[in-house]
N, C-alpha and C. Protein backbone atom coordinates (compact mmCIF):
# COMPACT_ATOMS: atom_id res chain seq x y z
N MET A 1 112.27 62.56 63.34
CA MET A 1 111.92 61.16 63.57
C MET A 1 113.13 60.28 63.29
N LYS A 2 113.38 59.33 64.18
CA LYS A 2 114.52 58.44 64.02
C LYS A 2 114.34 57.55 62.79
N PRO A 3 115.45 57.26 62.07
CA PRO A 3 115.35 56.42 60.86
C PRO A 3 114.73 55.06 61.13
N GLN A 4 115.04 54.46 62.31
CA GLN A 4 114.49 53.13 62.62
C GLN A 4 112.96 53.19 62.77
N LEU A 5 112.48 54.26 63.42
CA LEU A 5 111.05 54.42 63.63
C LEU A 5 110.34 54.66 62.30
N LEU A 6 110.94 55.49 61.45
CA LEU A 6 110.37 55.76 60.13
C LEU A 6 110.29 54.48 59.30
N CYS A 7 111.33 53.68 59.36
CA CYS A 7 111.36 52.40 58.63
C CYS A 7 110.25 51.47 59.11
N CYS A 8 110.06 51.40 60.42
CA CYS A 8 109.00 50.55 60.98
C CYS A 8 107.61 51.03 60.55
N LEU A 9 107.43 52.36 60.55
CA LEU A 9 106.15 52.92 60.13
C LEU A 9 105.86 52.58 58.67
N LEU A 10 106.86 52.75 57.81
CA LEU A 10 106.69 52.45 56.38
C LEU A 10 106.38 50.98 56.16
N LEU A 11 107.11 50.11 56.86
CA LEU A 11 106.85 48.66 56.73
C LEU A 11 105.45 48.31 57.19
N GLY A 12 105.00 48.96 58.27
CA GLY A 12 103.65 48.72 58.77
C GLY A 12 102.59 49.15 57.79
N LEU A 13 102.80 50.32 57.15
CA LEU A 13 101.86 50.80 56.16
C LEU A 13 101.81 49.88 54.95
N LEU A 14 102.97 49.44 54.50
CA LEU A 14 103.03 48.55 53.35
C LEU A 14 102.35 47.21 53.65
N ALA A 15 102.49 46.74 54.87
CA ALA A 15 101.87 45.46 55.24
C ALA A 15 100.36 45.56 55.23
N CYS A 16 99.82 46.76 55.44
CA CYS A 16 98.36 46.95 55.44
C CYS A 16 97.78 47.09 54.05
N GLN A 17 98.63 47.35 53.07
CA GLN A 17 98.15 47.55 51.70
C GLN A 17 97.81 46.21 51.05
N PRO A 18 96.60 46.08 50.46
CA PRO A 18 96.30 44.86 49.73
C PRO A 18 97.22 44.76 48.52
N ALA A 19 97.74 43.58 48.26
CA ALA A 19 98.72 43.42 47.18
C ALA A 19 98.17 42.54 46.09
N VAL A 20 98.65 42.81 44.87
CA VAL A 20 98.35 41.92 43.77
C VAL A 20 99.53 40.97 43.63
N GLN A 21 99.31 39.91 42.91
CA GLN A 21 100.29 38.83 42.82
C GLN A 21 101.51 39.25 42.01
N GLN A 22 102.70 39.12 42.57
CA GLN A 22 103.95 39.43 41.89
C GLN A 22 104.64 38.11 41.55
N VAL A 23 104.34 37.59 40.33
CA VAL A 23 104.89 36.30 39.93
C VAL A 23 105.29 36.35 38.47
N ASN A 24 105.93 35.27 38.03
CA ASN A 24 106.25 35.14 36.61
C ASN A 24 104.95 34.78 35.89
N TRP A 25 104.38 35.73 35.15
CA TRP A 25 103.07 35.52 34.54
C TRP A 25 103.09 34.39 33.51
N LYS A 26 104.25 34.09 32.95
CA LYS A 26 104.32 33.04 31.92
C LYS A 26 104.04 31.65 32.49
N THR A 27 104.18 31.49 33.80
CA THR A 27 103.93 30.19 34.43
C THR A 27 102.49 30.07 34.94
N LEU A 28 101.72 31.16 34.83
CA LEU A 28 100.35 31.14 35.35
C LEU A 28 99.39 30.46 34.38
N GLY A 29 98.46 29.73 34.92
CA GLY A 29 97.34 29.24 34.14
C GLY A 29 96.18 30.21 34.27
N ALA A 30 95.11 29.92 33.58
CA ALA A 30 93.94 30.80 33.62
C ALA A 30 93.18 30.67 34.94
N LYS A 31 93.01 29.44 35.42
CA LYS A 31 92.15 29.21 36.59
C LYS A 31 92.89 29.37 37.91
N THR A 32 92.13 29.80 38.90
CA THR A 32 92.63 29.87 40.27
C THR A 32 91.61 29.15 41.16
N GLU A 33 91.88 29.15 42.44
CA GLU A 33 90.98 28.49 43.38
C GLU A 33 89.61 29.16 43.43
N LYS A 34 89.61 30.52 43.36
CA LYS A 34 88.36 31.26 43.49
C LYS A 34 87.85 31.86 42.19
N GLY A 35 88.69 31.91 41.16
CA GLY A 35 88.28 32.55 39.92
C GLY A 35 89.27 32.30 38.81
N TYR A 36 89.82 33.39 38.29
CA TYR A 36 90.77 33.32 37.18
C TYR A 36 91.89 34.34 37.39
N ASN A 37 93.00 34.15 36.70
CA ASN A 37 94.09 35.11 36.72
C ASN A 37 93.93 36.13 35.61
N ALA A 38 94.36 37.34 35.87
CA ALA A 38 94.49 38.37 34.84
C ALA A 38 95.87 38.98 35.00
N VAL A 39 96.55 39.21 33.88
CA VAL A 39 97.85 39.89 33.89
C VAL A 39 97.63 41.27 33.29
N ILE A 40 98.04 42.29 34.02
CA ILE A 40 97.79 43.67 33.60
C ILE A 40 98.91 44.19 32.70
N GLU A 41 98.50 44.69 31.54
CA GLU A 41 99.42 45.37 30.63
C GLU A 41 99.30 46.89 30.80
N ILE A 42 98.06 47.38 30.84
CA ILE A 42 97.82 48.82 30.88
C ILE A 42 97.06 49.17 32.17
N PRO A 43 97.72 49.85 33.11
CA PRO A 43 97.03 50.22 34.35
C PRO A 43 95.87 51.18 34.08
N ALA A 44 94.86 51.13 34.93
CA ALA A 44 93.74 52.08 34.84
C ALA A 44 94.28 53.51 34.86
N GLY A 45 93.70 54.38 34.03
CA GLY A 45 94.12 55.78 33.99
C GLY A 45 95.30 56.05 33.09
N THR A 46 95.68 55.06 32.27
CA THR A 46 96.85 55.17 31.39
C THR A 46 96.40 55.37 29.94
N ASN A 47 97.16 56.16 29.19
CA ASN A 47 96.88 56.35 27.76
C ASN A 47 97.88 55.61 26.85
N HIS A 48 99.04 55.24 27.38
CA HIS A 48 100.03 54.52 26.57
C HIS A 48 99.55 53.08 26.34
N LYS A 49 99.63 52.64 25.10
CA LYS A 49 99.18 51.28 24.72
C LYS A 49 100.33 50.31 24.99
N ILE A 50 100.33 49.72 26.16
CA ILE A 50 101.38 48.80 26.58
C ILE A 50 100.94 47.38 26.26
N GLU A 51 101.84 46.60 25.67
CA GLU A 51 101.54 45.20 25.33
C GLU A 51 102.72 44.33 25.69
N VAL A 52 102.44 43.06 25.91
CA VAL A 52 103.52 42.12 26.17
C VAL A 52 104.17 41.76 24.83
N ASN A 53 105.49 41.75 24.81
CA ASN A 53 106.23 41.33 23.62
C ASN A 53 106.26 39.80 23.62
N LYS A 54 105.66 39.20 22.59
CA LYS A 54 105.53 37.74 22.56
C LYS A 54 106.88 37.03 22.50
N ASN A 55 107.88 37.69 21.94
CA ASN A 55 109.20 37.07 21.82
C ASN A 55 110.01 37.16 23.11
N SER A 56 110.08 38.37 23.69
CA SER A 56 110.91 38.56 24.88
C SER A 56 110.14 38.33 26.18
N GLY A 57 108.80 38.44 26.12
CA GLY A 57 108.00 38.31 27.33
C GLY A 57 107.96 39.56 28.18
N THR A 58 108.59 40.64 27.69
CA THR A 58 108.60 41.90 28.44
C THR A 58 107.43 42.77 28.01
N PHE A 59 107.12 43.77 28.83
CA PHE A 59 106.02 44.69 28.54
C PHE A 59 106.60 45.97 27.94
N GLU A 60 106.07 46.34 26.78
CA GLU A 60 106.59 47.50 26.04
C GLU A 60 105.44 48.33 25.51
N VAL A 61 105.71 49.63 25.32
CA VAL A 61 104.73 50.49 24.68
C VAL A 61 104.70 50.13 23.20
N ASP A 62 103.50 49.84 22.70
CA ASP A 62 103.32 49.51 21.29
C ASP A 62 103.77 50.68 20.42
N ARG A 63 104.28 50.36 19.24
CA ARG A 63 104.75 51.41 18.33
C ARG A 63 103.93 51.39 17.06
N GLU A 64 103.63 52.59 16.57
CA GLU A 64 102.88 52.75 15.33
C GLU A 64 103.56 53.84 14.52
N ASP A 65 103.95 53.49 13.29
CA ASP A 65 104.70 54.43 12.44
C ASP A 65 105.96 54.95 13.13
N GLY A 66 106.63 54.05 13.87
CA GLY A 66 107.89 54.40 14.52
C GLY A 66 107.74 55.20 15.81
N ARG A 67 106.51 55.50 16.21
CA ARG A 67 106.30 56.29 17.43
C ARG A 67 105.52 55.47 18.46
N GLU A 68 105.73 55.81 19.73
CA GLU A 68 104.96 55.14 20.78
C GLU A 68 103.47 55.41 20.57
N ARG A 69 102.69 54.35 20.74
CA ARG A 69 101.25 54.48 20.54
C ARG A 69 100.60 54.99 21.81
N VAL A 70 100.01 56.16 21.71
CA VAL A 70 99.30 56.77 22.83
C VAL A 70 97.85 56.93 22.39
N ILE A 71 96.93 56.43 23.19
CA ILE A 71 95.51 56.51 22.86
C ILE A 71 95.06 57.97 22.87
N ASP A 72 94.55 58.42 21.74
CA ASP A 72 94.10 59.81 21.58
C ASP A 72 92.65 59.92 22.04
N PHE A 73 92.46 59.67 23.32
CA PHE A 73 91.12 59.64 23.89
C PHE A 73 91.28 59.69 25.41
N LEU A 74 90.22 59.47 26.13
CA LEU A 74 90.31 59.40 27.59
C LEU A 74 91.15 58.18 27.99
N PRO A 75 91.78 58.20 29.17
CA PRO A 75 92.57 57.05 29.62
C PRO A 75 91.72 55.80 29.80
N TYR A 76 92.38 54.66 29.86
CA TYR A 76 91.67 53.38 30.07
C TYR A 76 90.84 53.44 31.35
N PRO A 77 89.56 53.04 31.28
CA PRO A 77 88.66 53.13 32.43
C PRO A 77 88.82 52.00 33.45
N GLY A 78 89.74 51.11 33.21
CA GLY A 78 90.03 50.00 34.11
C GLY A 78 91.40 49.47 33.77
N ASN A 79 91.82 48.43 34.44
CA ASN A 79 93.12 47.80 34.19
C ASN A 79 92.96 46.80 33.04
N TYR A 80 93.70 47.02 31.96
CA TYR A 80 93.52 46.22 30.75
C TYR A 80 94.66 45.23 30.60
N GLY A 81 94.32 44.00 30.26
CA GLY A 81 95.36 43.00 30.08
C GLY A 81 94.81 41.75 29.45
N PHE A 82 95.29 40.61 29.91
CA PHE A 82 94.89 39.34 29.30
C PHE A 82 94.79 38.24 30.34
N ILE A 83 94.09 37.18 29.95
CA ILE A 83 93.97 35.99 30.80
C ILE A 83 95.13 35.06 30.42
N PRO A 84 96.09 34.85 31.32
CA PRO A 84 97.21 33.95 30.98
C PRO A 84 96.71 32.52 30.82
N GLY A 85 97.43 31.74 30.05
CA GLY A 85 97.01 30.36 29.84
C GLY A 85 95.86 30.23 28.86
N THR A 86 95.56 31.32 28.13
CA THR A 86 94.56 31.25 27.06
C THR A 86 95.22 31.66 25.74
N LEU A 87 94.68 31.15 24.66
CA LEU A 87 95.12 31.54 23.32
C LEU A 87 93.94 31.41 22.38
N MET A 88 93.57 32.53 21.77
CA MET A 88 92.47 32.54 20.82
C MET A 88 93.01 32.09 19.46
N ASP A 89 93.04 30.80 19.30
CA ASP A 89 93.61 30.15 18.13
C ASP A 89 92.92 30.63 16.84
N LYS A 90 93.72 31.10 15.88
CA LYS A 90 93.16 31.60 14.61
C LYS A 90 92.42 30.49 13.86
N ALA A 91 92.88 29.26 14.00
CA ALA A 91 92.23 28.14 13.32
C ALA A 91 90.81 27.92 13.84
N ARG A 92 90.52 28.42 15.05
CA ARG A 92 89.19 28.28 15.65
C ARG A 92 88.43 29.60 15.67
N GLY A 93 88.90 30.56 14.86
CA GLY A 93 88.19 31.84 14.75
C GLY A 93 88.69 32.93 15.67
N GLY A 94 89.81 32.69 16.37
CA GLY A 94 90.35 33.70 17.27
C GLY A 94 91.30 34.65 16.56
N ASP A 95 91.90 35.57 17.35
CA ASP A 95 92.80 36.57 16.76
C ASP A 95 94.28 36.24 16.98
N GLY A 96 94.56 35.07 17.57
CA GLY A 96 95.95 34.67 17.77
C GLY A 96 96.59 35.19 19.05
N ASP A 97 95.81 35.88 19.87
CA ASP A 97 96.31 36.43 21.14
C ASP A 97 95.58 35.79 22.32
N ALA A 98 96.06 36.10 23.51
CA ALA A 98 95.35 35.68 24.72
C ALA A 98 94.06 36.49 24.83
N LEU A 99 93.12 35.99 25.61
CA LEU A 99 91.83 36.64 25.77
C LEU A 99 91.97 37.95 26.55
N ASP A 100 91.35 39.02 26.03
CA ASP A 100 91.43 40.35 26.65
C ASP A 100 90.54 40.44 27.89
N VAL A 101 91.00 41.24 28.85
CA VAL A 101 90.21 41.46 30.06
C VAL A 101 90.36 42.90 30.54
N LEU A 102 89.27 43.47 31.04
CA LEU A 102 89.29 44.77 31.70
C LEU A 102 88.89 44.54 33.15
N VAL A 103 89.81 44.85 34.06
CA VAL A 103 89.57 44.63 35.49
C VAL A 103 89.21 45.97 36.13
N ILE A 104 88.00 46.05 36.66
CA ILE A 104 87.53 47.28 37.30
C ILE A 104 88.08 47.33 38.71
N ALA A 105 89.08 48.20 38.91
CA ALA A 105 89.76 48.33 40.20
C ALA A 105 90.65 49.55 40.13
N GLU A 106 91.22 49.93 41.27
CA GLU A 106 92.23 50.99 41.24
C GLU A 106 93.41 50.49 40.42
N SER A 107 94.28 51.41 40.05
CA SER A 107 95.38 51.11 39.15
C SER A 107 96.28 49.98 39.66
N VAL A 108 96.50 48.99 38.78
CA VAL A 108 97.38 47.86 39.06
C VAL A 108 98.60 47.99 38.15
N PRO A 109 99.82 47.87 38.67
CA PRO A 109 101.02 48.07 37.84
C PRO A 109 101.14 47.08 36.69
N THR A 110 101.75 47.54 35.62
CA THR A 110 102.03 46.70 34.46
C THR A 110 102.83 45.46 34.87
N GLY A 111 102.42 44.31 34.35
CA GLY A 111 103.15 43.07 34.58
C GLY A 111 102.71 42.29 35.81
N GLN A 112 101.80 42.85 36.59
CA GLN A 112 101.36 42.15 37.78
C GLN A 112 100.09 41.35 37.50
N ALA A 113 99.91 40.28 38.25
CA ALA A 113 98.75 39.42 38.11
C ALA A 113 97.79 39.67 39.26
N ILE A 114 96.51 39.50 38.95
CA ILE A 114 95.49 39.71 39.95
C ILE A 114 94.40 38.65 39.74
N GLU A 115 93.88 38.12 40.84
CA GLU A 115 92.82 37.13 40.74
C GLU A 115 91.50 37.84 40.52
N ILE A 116 90.74 37.38 39.53
CA ILE A 116 89.52 38.08 39.13
C ILE A 116 88.30 37.17 39.11
N GLN A 117 87.15 37.84 39.13
CA GLN A 117 85.85 37.19 38.96
C GLN A 117 85.17 37.87 37.77
N PRO A 118 84.96 37.14 36.66
CA PRO A 118 84.28 37.74 35.51
C PRO A 118 82.82 38.08 35.86
N ILE A 119 82.37 39.26 35.41
CA ILE A 119 80.97 39.64 35.64
C ILE A 119 80.22 39.90 34.34
N ALA A 120 80.95 39.99 33.22
CA ALA A 120 80.30 40.27 31.94
C ALA A 120 81.30 40.07 30.80
N ALA A 121 80.78 40.12 29.59
CA ALA A 121 81.62 40.13 28.39
C ALA A 121 81.03 41.15 27.43
N LEU A 122 81.88 42.02 26.92
CA LEU A 122 81.47 43.02 25.94
C LEU A 122 81.94 42.54 24.57
N GLN A 123 81.00 42.39 23.64
CA GLN A 123 81.35 41.90 22.31
C GLN A 123 81.34 43.06 21.32
N LEU A 124 82.46 43.20 20.61
CA LEU A 124 82.63 44.26 19.63
C LEU A 124 83.08 43.66 18.31
N LEU A 125 82.92 44.42 17.25
CA LEU A 125 83.51 44.08 15.96
C LEU A 125 84.62 45.07 15.69
N ASP A 126 85.82 44.57 15.45
CA ASP A 126 86.99 45.39 15.15
C ASP A 126 87.46 45.00 13.75
N GLN A 127 87.22 45.89 12.78
CA GLN A 127 87.55 45.63 11.38
C GLN A 127 86.92 44.31 10.91
N GLY A 128 85.68 44.10 11.31
CA GLY A 128 84.94 42.92 10.89
C GLY A 128 85.23 41.67 11.69
N GLU A 129 86.16 41.74 12.64
CA GLU A 129 86.54 40.58 13.45
C GLU A 129 85.96 40.71 14.85
N LEU A 130 85.34 39.62 15.34
CA LEU A 130 84.77 39.63 16.69
C LEU A 130 85.87 39.86 17.73
N ASP A 131 85.63 40.83 18.60
CA ASP A 131 86.60 41.21 19.63
C ASP A 131 85.88 41.21 20.97
N THR A 132 86.12 40.18 21.78
CA THR A 132 85.44 40.04 23.07
C THR A 132 86.32 40.55 24.20
N LYS A 133 85.75 41.39 25.03
CA LYS A 133 86.44 41.90 26.22
C LYS A 133 85.76 41.31 27.45
N ILE A 134 86.50 40.55 28.24
CA ILE A 134 85.99 40.06 29.51
C ILE A 134 86.03 41.22 30.50
N ILE A 135 84.93 41.47 31.18
CA ILE A 135 84.85 42.52 32.20
C ILE A 135 84.84 41.81 33.55
N ALA A 136 85.72 42.25 34.45
CA ALA A 136 85.89 41.51 35.71
C ALA A 136 86.15 42.46 36.88
N VAL A 137 85.98 41.90 38.07
CA VAL A 137 86.35 42.60 39.31
C VAL A 137 87.32 41.69 40.07
N PRO A 138 88.14 42.25 40.97
CA PRO A 138 89.02 41.40 41.77
C PRO A 138 88.21 40.48 42.69
N THR A 139 88.71 39.27 42.93
CA THR A 139 88.04 38.38 43.88
C THR A 139 88.25 38.88 45.32
N ASP A 140 89.35 39.58 45.55
CA ASP A 140 89.64 40.14 46.87
C ASP A 140 88.76 41.38 47.08
N SER A 141 87.82 41.30 48.02
CA SER A 141 86.88 42.40 48.23
C SER A 141 87.58 43.70 48.63
N SER A 142 88.77 43.61 49.24
CA SER A 142 89.49 44.83 49.63
C SER A 142 90.04 45.58 48.41
N LEU A 143 90.09 44.92 47.25
CA LEU A 143 90.56 45.56 46.02
C LEU A 143 89.42 46.03 45.13
N GLN A 144 88.18 45.72 45.52
CA GLN A 144 87.03 46.09 44.70
C GLN A 144 86.65 47.55 44.90
N VAL A 145 86.31 48.21 43.80
CA VAL A 145 85.82 49.58 43.87
C VAL A 145 84.32 49.63 43.57
N MET A 146 83.79 48.54 43.06
CA MET A 146 82.34 48.38 42.94
C MET A 146 82.01 46.94 43.31
N HIS A 147 80.82 46.73 43.80
CA HIS A 147 80.49 45.43 44.38
C HIS A 147 79.55 44.61 43.49
N ALA A 148 79.75 44.69 42.19
CA ALA A 148 79.01 43.84 41.27
C ALA A 148 79.61 42.44 41.36
N VAL A 149 78.75 41.45 41.50
CA VAL A 149 79.23 40.07 41.61
C VAL A 149 78.84 39.23 40.40
N ASP A 150 77.95 39.79 39.57
CA ASP A 150 77.50 39.09 38.38
C ASP A 150 76.94 40.13 37.40
N PHE A 151 76.47 39.65 36.25
CA PHE A 151 75.98 40.57 35.23
C PHE A 151 74.74 41.34 35.70
N GLU A 152 73.85 40.65 36.42
CA GLU A 152 72.62 41.30 36.88
C GLU A 152 72.92 42.48 37.80
N SER A 153 73.81 42.29 38.77
CA SER A 153 74.13 43.39 39.69
C SER A 153 74.91 44.49 38.98
N PHE A 154 75.72 44.12 38.00
CA PHE A 154 76.44 45.10 37.19
C PHE A 154 75.44 45.96 36.41
N LEU A 155 74.48 45.31 35.79
CA LEU A 155 73.48 45.99 34.97
C LEU A 155 72.56 46.87 35.81
N LEU A 156 72.10 46.36 36.95
CA LEU A 156 71.12 47.09 37.75
C LEU A 156 71.74 48.17 38.63
N GLU A 157 72.90 47.88 39.21
CA GLU A 157 73.49 48.81 40.17
C GLU A 157 74.56 49.72 39.57
N TYR A 158 75.15 49.32 38.46
CA TYR A 158 76.26 50.10 37.88
C TYR A 158 76.05 50.30 36.38
N ASN A 159 74.80 50.58 36.01
CA ASN A 159 74.47 50.72 34.60
C ASN A 159 75.26 51.83 33.93
N MET A 160 75.48 52.94 34.62
CA MET A 160 76.23 54.05 34.02
C MET A 160 77.70 53.66 33.81
N ALA A 161 78.23 52.83 34.72
CA ALA A 161 79.61 52.35 34.53
C ALA A 161 79.68 51.47 33.28
N MET A 162 78.67 50.63 33.08
CA MET A 162 78.59 49.81 31.87
C MET A 162 78.59 50.69 30.63
N ASN A 163 77.78 51.75 30.68
CA ASN A 163 77.69 52.66 29.53
C ASN A 163 79.02 53.35 29.25
N ILE A 164 79.73 53.73 30.32
CA ILE A 164 81.04 54.38 30.15
C ILE A 164 82.02 53.42 29.49
N ILE A 165 82.07 52.17 29.98
CA ILE A 165 82.97 51.17 29.41
C ILE A 165 82.63 50.91 27.95
N GLN A 166 81.34 50.75 27.67
CA GLN A 166 80.90 50.50 26.30
C GLN A 166 81.29 51.66 25.38
N ASP A 167 80.97 52.89 25.81
CA ASP A 167 81.29 54.06 24.98
C ASP A 167 82.78 54.24 24.80
N TRP A 168 83.55 53.92 25.85
CA TRP A 168 85.00 54.06 25.74
C TRP A 168 85.54 53.12 24.65
N PHE A 169 85.16 51.84 24.71
CA PHE A 169 85.66 50.89 23.72
C PHE A 169 85.14 51.18 22.31
N LEU A 170 83.97 51.78 22.20
CA LEU A 170 83.45 52.12 20.88
C LEU A 170 84.15 53.31 20.26
N ASN A 171 84.82 54.12 21.07
CA ASN A 171 85.38 55.37 20.55
C ASN A 171 86.89 55.55 20.69
N TYR A 172 87.59 54.68 21.44
CA TYR A 172 89.00 54.94 21.71
C TYR A 172 89.88 54.85 20.46
N LYS A 173 89.43 54.12 19.45
CA LYS A 173 90.21 54.03 18.21
C LYS A 173 89.78 55.06 17.17
N GLY A 174 88.75 55.85 17.51
CA GLY A 174 88.20 56.83 16.59
C GLY A 174 86.76 56.48 16.25
N LEU A 175 86.03 57.48 15.83
CA LEU A 175 84.61 57.33 15.54
C LEU A 175 84.37 56.32 14.43
N GLY A 176 83.50 55.35 14.71
CA GLY A 176 83.10 54.38 13.70
C GLY A 176 84.06 53.23 13.47
N LYS A 177 85.17 53.16 14.22
CA LYS A 177 86.15 52.09 14.01
C LYS A 177 85.72 50.78 14.67
N MET A 178 84.96 50.87 15.77
CA MET A 178 84.49 49.70 16.49
C MET A 178 82.97 49.64 16.40
N GLU A 179 82.44 48.43 16.38
CA GLU A 179 80.99 48.24 16.28
C GLU A 179 80.51 47.37 17.43
N LEU A 180 79.43 47.79 18.08
CA LEU A 180 78.88 47.06 19.22
C LEU A 180 78.10 45.83 18.75
N GLN A 181 78.41 44.69 19.35
CA GLN A 181 77.65 43.47 19.10
C GLN A 181 76.73 43.14 20.27
N GLY A 182 77.09 43.62 21.46
CA GLY A 182 76.22 43.43 22.62
C GLY A 182 76.96 42.96 23.86
N TRP A 183 76.21 42.82 24.94
CA TRP A 183 76.73 42.37 26.22
C TRP A 183 76.30 40.94 26.48
N LYS A 184 77.14 40.20 27.17
CA LYS A 184 76.83 38.84 27.61
C LYS A 184 77.07 38.76 29.11
N ASP A 185 76.46 37.75 29.74
CA ASP A 185 76.56 37.65 31.20
C ASP A 185 77.83 36.94 31.65
N GLU A 186 77.92 36.76 32.99
CA GLU A 186 79.13 36.17 33.58
C GLU A 186 79.30 34.70 33.18
N LEU A 187 78.21 34.00 32.93
CA LEU A 187 78.31 32.61 32.51
C LEU A 187 78.95 32.50 31.13
N TYR A 188 78.55 33.40 30.25
CA TYR A 188 79.17 33.44 28.92
C TYR A 188 80.66 33.79 29.04
N ALA A 189 80.97 34.79 29.90
CA ALA A 189 82.36 35.22 30.07
C ALA A 189 83.23 34.06 30.56
N LYS A 190 82.73 33.30 31.53
CA LYS A 190 83.50 32.15 32.04
C LYS A 190 83.65 31.06 30.97
N ALA A 191 82.57 30.83 30.22
CA ALA A 191 82.62 29.83 29.15
C ALA A 191 83.63 30.25 28.07
N GLU A 192 83.72 31.55 27.82
CA GLU A 192 84.67 32.05 26.83
C GLU A 192 86.11 31.81 27.28
N ILE A 193 86.37 32.02 28.57
CA ILE A 193 87.71 31.74 29.11
C ILE A 193 88.03 30.25 28.96
N GLU A 194 87.07 29.42 29.36
CA GLU A 194 87.26 27.96 29.28
C GLU A 194 87.50 27.52 27.82
N LYS A 195 86.80 28.15 26.91
CA LYS A 195 86.90 27.82 25.49
C LYS A 195 88.32 28.00 24.96
N TRP A 196 88.99 29.06 25.41
CA TRP A 196 90.31 29.40 24.86
C TRP A 196 91.46 28.98 25.76
N MET A 197 91.17 28.27 26.86
CA MET A 197 92.24 27.83 27.76
C MET A 197 93.15 26.81 27.08
N LEU A 198 94.46 26.97 27.26
CA LEU A 198 95.40 26.00 26.74
C LEU A 198 95.28 24.73 27.55
N LYS A 199 95.27 23.62 26.91
CA LYS A 199 95.05 22.33 27.59
C LYS A 199 96.17 22.00 28.57
N SER A 200 97.40 22.45 28.28
CA SER A 200 98.53 22.14 29.16
C SER A 200 98.47 22.90 30.47
N LYS A 201 97.65 23.95 30.53
CA LYS A 201 97.55 24.75 31.75
C LYS A 201 96.50 24.19 32.65
């Protein structure tokens, strides 16, 4: 095959692939026209605990006792990251970080942003501190792997997926380290995002 023809074929294939947003995540706010932004730290199917470095703004594998932190459990069941333009202020009962989000979709690369629609919130206790995980799907239907649009459809049509996500978060740090507080609907999830949004965004 001629190099020019191969190049055209590759470009055509790439043009057909749905893309996630490739932008400077630090300039993103939480809200979008159709939903909210999520910035991915840990792609679905990954065991390395990747986090954004608050000082440099780069994405790095977290270190524990001088070694890279690798989750000693099944890989992440979705794309894990945060809602940009949010800060869970410690003075208001937060943990000092941006709001966590799990995006149910095929693997999204570290550092990329994707527009999401919250469908639920999973509430956990981590060392006695409330730890809320926003559960979301992409707003772009071509990126969706399940068609839950709200908490009711998630609960009724994808109940086993809910159970898998719940069990994963309850056990990924080890038995008994996390405690279940319960599930909340999409309205609660959206209100939680709004609650922690930075006013300047």
